[in-house]
Structure formats: structure tokens, C-alpha cells
């Protein structure tokens, strides 16, 4: 049961990463105005999250 839970968590993490990559590489030019705003907002939020992670790692002395 623990092994199955571990595998499921890894699959979820992978799907989250794939979703993030899809958002970060999406082109907003072919979308409606609302779709374009959504994609650009998600990209901006994700970049801000990455920046915070980098700052935390830098403050903790961790390497990227």
C-alpha cells in the first residue's frame, strides 16, 4: 500500500510538472482575450514562485 501511494505521488508530481511546462510554453497569441490573460497571469505567478524558491535556496545556502 505504501509503495502504491509513493508511485501515485510521483505520478501526480510528474503531471503537475507537465502542466507547468505546458503553461510556461503556451503561446497566448492564438487565444481569446480571456484565455490570453489567464495564460499570461499563470506564467507570471509561476515565474514569481520560481524567483521565491531561488531566493530561499540562496538564503539557505543551497545550490540550485
C-alpha atoms as a PDB file:
ATOM      1  CA  UNK A   1       0.000   0.000   0.000  1.00  0.00           C
ATOM      2  CA  UNK A   2       2.827   2.423   0.853  1.00  0.00           C
ATOM      3  CA  UNK A   3       4.558   1.591  -2.412  1.00  0.00           C
ATOM      4  CA  UNK A   4       1.383   2.266  -4.379  1.00  0.00           C
ATOM      5  CA  UNK A   5       0.948   5.592  -2.573  1.00  0.00           C
ATOM      6  CA  UNK A   6       4.536   6.525  -3.372  1.00  0.00           C
ATOM      7  CA  UNK A   7       4.058   5.693  -7.052  1.00  0.00           C
ATOM      8  CA  UNK A   8       0.832   7.697  -7.158  1.00  0.00           C
ATOM      9  CA  UNK A   9       2.530  10.718  -5.557  1.00  0.00           C
ATOM     10  CA  UNK A  10       5.325  10.531  -8.135  1.00  0.00           C
ATOM     11  CA  UNK A  11       2.767  10.391 -10.949  1.00  0.00           C
ATOM     12  CA  UNK A  12       0.939  13.403  -9.537  1.00  0.00           C
ATOM     13  CA  UNK A  13       4.198  15.346  -9.238  1.00  0.00           C
ATOM     14  CA  UNK A  14       5.077  14.484 -12.834  1.00  0.00           C
ATOM     15  CA  UNK A  15       1.655  15.575 -14.072  1.00  0.00           C
ATOM     16  CA  UNK A  16       1.986  18.861 -12.159  1.00  0.00           C
ATOM     17  CA  UNK A  17       5.383  19.479 -13.750  1.00  0.00           C
ATOM     18  CA  UNK A  18       3.990  18.680 -17.205  1.00  0.00           C
ATOM     19  CA  UNK A  19       1.103  21.071 -16.592  1.00  0.00           C
ATOM     20  CA  UNK A  20       3.503  23.818 -15.502  1.00  0.00           C
ATOM     21  CA  UNK A  21       5.641  23.261 -18.585  1.00  0.00           C
ATOM     22  CA  UNK A  22       2.575  23.449 -20.820  1.00  0.00           C
ATOM     23  CA  UNK A  23       1.561  26.771 -19.258  1.00  0.00           C
ATOM     24  CA  UNK A  24       5.090  28.187 -19.448  1.00  0.00           C
ATOM     25  CA  UNK A  25       5.457  27.299 -23.127  1.00  0.00           C
ATOM     26  CA  UNK A  26       1.918  28.208 -24.201  1.00  0.00           C
ATOM     27  CA  UNK A  27       1.502  30.956 -26.749  1.00  0.00           C
ATOM     28  CA  UNK A  28      -1.147  33.472 -25.772  1.00  0.00           C
ATOM     29  CA  UNK A  29      -1.385  34.934 -29.269  1.00  0.00           C
ATOM     30  CA  UNK A  30      -3.840  32.317 -30.595  1.00  0.00           C
ATOM     31  CA  UNK A  31      -6.231  32.571 -27.638  1.00  0.00           C
ATOM     32  CA  UNK A  32      -9.224  34.732 -26.835  1.00  0.00           C
ATOM     33  CA  UNK A  33      -8.568  37.799 -24.713  1.00  0.00           C
ATOM     34  CA  UNK A  34      -9.634  35.985 -21.539  1.00  0.00           C
ATOM     35  CA  UNK A  35      -7.584  32.915 -22.405  1.00  0.00           C
ATOM     36  CA  UNK A  36      -4.575  35.064 -23.162  1.00  0.00           C
ATOM     37  CA  UNK A  37      -4.899  36.942 -19.872  1.00  0.00           C
ATOM     38  CA  UNK A  38      -5.219  33.649 -17.992  1.00  0.00           C
ATOM     39  CA  UNK A  39      -2.093  32.151 -19.570  1.00  0.00           C
ATOM     40  CA  UNK A  40      -0.049  35.310 -19.031  1.00  0.00           C
ATOM     41  CA  UNK A  41      -1.200  35.559 -15.406  1.00  0.00           C
ATOM     42  CA  UNK A  42      -0.333  31.897 -14.739  1.00  0.00           C
ATOM     43  CA  UNK A  43       3.092  32.384 -16.332  1.00  0.00           C
ATOM     44  CA  UNK A  44       3.716  35.478 -14.211  1.00  0.00           C
ATOM     45  CA  UNK A  45       2.698  33.696 -10.998  1.00  0.00           C
ATOM     46  CA  UNK A  46       4.874  30.690 -11.800  1.00  0.00           C
ATOM     47  CA  UNK A  47       7.883  32.897 -12.509  1.00  0.00           C
ATOM     48  CA  UNK A  48       7.336  34.710  -9.206  1.00  0.00           C
ATOM     49  CA  UNK A  49       7.174  31.342  -7.440  1.00  0.00           C
ATOM     50  CA  UNK A  50      10.441  30.251  -9.086  1.00  0.00           C
ATOM     51  CA  UNK A  51      12.087  33.511  -8.017  1.00  0.00           C
ATOM     52  CA  UNK A  52      10.956  32.996  -4.403  1.00  0.00           C
ATOM     53  CA  UNK A  53      12.330  29.443  -4.444  1.00  0.00           C
ATOM     54  CA  UNK A  54      15.665  30.671  -5.765  1.00  0.00           C
ATOM     55  CA  UNK A  55      15.818  33.395  -3.097  1.00  0.00           C
ATOM     56  CA  UNK A  56      15.020  30.883  -0.334  1.00  0.00           C
ATOM     57  CA  UNK A  57      17.638  28.453  -1.604  1.00  0.00           C
ATOM     58  CA  UNK A  58      20.177  31.251  -1.857  1.00  0.00           C
ATOM     59  CA  UNK A  59      19.368  32.431   1.686  1.00  0.00           C
ATOM     60  CA  UNK A  60      19.694  28.872   2.998  1.00  0.00           C
ATOM     61  CA  UNK A  61      22.982  28.350   1.188  1.00  0.00           C
ATOM     62  CA  UNK A  62      21.510  25.662  -1.044  1.00  0.00           C
ATOM     63  CA  UNK A  63      22.523  25.346  -4.644  1.00  0.00           C
ATOM     64  CA  UNK A  64      20.040  25.187  -7.486  1.00  0.00           C
END
